[in-house]
Amino acid sequence: MQLLKANQLICTLSLRDRLGFVRDGDLPFFASMVMSSDVCRRYWNRFGDLRAQEAEGNERAEHFTRVLDQAARSHPQAQTTAA
């Protein structure tokens, strides 16, 4: 259930980005906020590759996926877990 809520949050951010409601340069901030949640990072670790495959060929979706992936990888708790 928690992973479904994480998916819903990421999809909402993605939709807002696609509709142009996320200003240029603000996406990394929002991605960082989303990835501050342990559940969202767990979701991304499990399904991030699938989302990247789904984004292939769509420049905006690829950019969104890269930004979220970078936010997930650079989160302090993600780095301590990997060590």
Protein backbone atom coordinates (compact mmCIF):
# COMPACT_ATOMS: atom_id res chain seq x y z
CA MET A 1 0.00 0.00 0.00
CA GLN A 2 2.84 2.39 0.85
CA LEU A 3 4.51 1.83 -2.51
CA LEU A 4 1.23 2.65 -4.25
CA LYS A 5 1.09 5.96 -2.38
CA ALA A 6 4.70 6.68 -3.41
CA ASN A 7 3.76 5.94 -7.02
CA GLN A 8 0.78 8.28 -6.72
CA LEU A 9 3.00 11.08 -5.39
CA ILE A 10 5.57 10.62 -8.17
CA CYS A 11 2.84 10.45 -10.82
CA THR A 12 1.30 13.66 -9.48
CA LEU A 13 4.65 15.44 -9.69
CA SER A 14 5.17 14.04 -13.19
CA LEU A 15 1.76 15.28 -14.32
CA ARG A 16 2.37 18.73 -12.87
CA ASP A 17 5.72 18.81 -14.70
CA ARG A 18 4.19 17.73 -18.01
CA LEU A 19 1.45 20.34 -17.72
CA GLY A 20 4.04 23.04 -17.12
CA PHE A 21 3.12 23.75 -13.50
CA VAL A 22 6.69 23.07 -12.35
CA ARG A 23 8.87 26.02 -13.27
CA ASP A 24 12.22 25.45 -14.96
CA GLY A 25 14.84 24.75 -12.35
CA ASP A 26 12.32 23.79 -9.63
CA LEU A 27 12.09 20.11 -10.53
CA PRO A 28 15.29 19.13 -8.65
CA PHE A 29 13.92 20.78 -5.51
CA PHE A 30 10.59 18.92 -5.76
CA ALA A 31 12.39 15.67 -6.60
CA SER A 32 14.55 16.09 -3.51
CA MET A 33 11.47 16.66 -1.38
CA VAL A 34 9.81 13.52 -2.78
CA MET A 35 12.96 11.46 -2.24
CA SER A 36 13.23 12.62 1.36
CA SER A 37 10.59 9.96 1.99
CA ASP A 38 11.98 6.50 2.67
CA VAL A 39 8.95 4.96 0.98
CA CYS A 40 9.54 6.96 -2.21
CA ARG A 41 13.19 5.93 -2.27
CA ARG A 42 12.19 2.28 -1.80
CA TYR A 43 9.66 2.66 -4.62
CA TRP A 44 12.32 4.23 -6.85
CA ASN A 45 14.86 1.49 -6.04
CA ARG A 46 12.32 -1.12 -7.04
CA PHE A 47 10.61 0.53 -10.03
CA GLY A 48 12.95 3.32 -11.19
CA ASP A 49 14.40 1.20 -13.99
CA LEU A 50 10.92 0.37 -15.24
CA ARG A 51 9.98 4.06 -15.22
CA ALA A 52 13.17 4.83 -17.18
CA GLN A 53 12.19 2.25 -19.80
CA GLU A 54 8.70 3.73 -20.03
CA ALA A 55 10.20 7.21 -20.53
CA GLU A 56 12.44 6.22 -23.45
CA GLY A 57 11.80 8.35 -26.51
CA ASN A 58 10.02 11.12 -24.60
CA GLU A 59 12.54 13.85 -23.86
CA ARG A 60 10.53 15.46 -21.08
CA ALA A 61 9.82 12.13 -19.38
CA GLU A 62 13.47 11.11 -19.70
CA HIS A 63 14.53 14.38 -18.07
CA PHE A 64 11.99 13.91 -15.27
CA THR A 65 13.25 10.37 -14.66
CA ARG A 66 16.90 11.47 -14.61
CA VAL A 67 16.15 14.23 -12.09
CA LEU A 68 14.26 11.86 -9.79
CA ASP A 69 16.97 9.24 -10.09
CA GLN A 70 19.64 11.80 -9.19
CA ALA A 71 17.59 12.97 -6.20
CA ALA A 72 17.16 9.38 -5.00
CA ARG A 73 20.87 8.63 -5.35
CA SER A 74 22.05 11.84 -3.72
CA HIS A 75 19.78 11.64 -0.67
CA PRO A 76 21.97 11.28 2.46
CA GLN A 77 20.17 8.15 3.70
CA ALA A 78 20.48 6.51 0.28
CA GLN A 79 24.24 7.02 0.43
CA THR A 80 24.61 5.58 3.93
CA THR A 81 22.51 2.56 2.95
CA ALA A 82 24.72 1.90 -0.08
CA ALA A 83 27.92 2.09 1.99
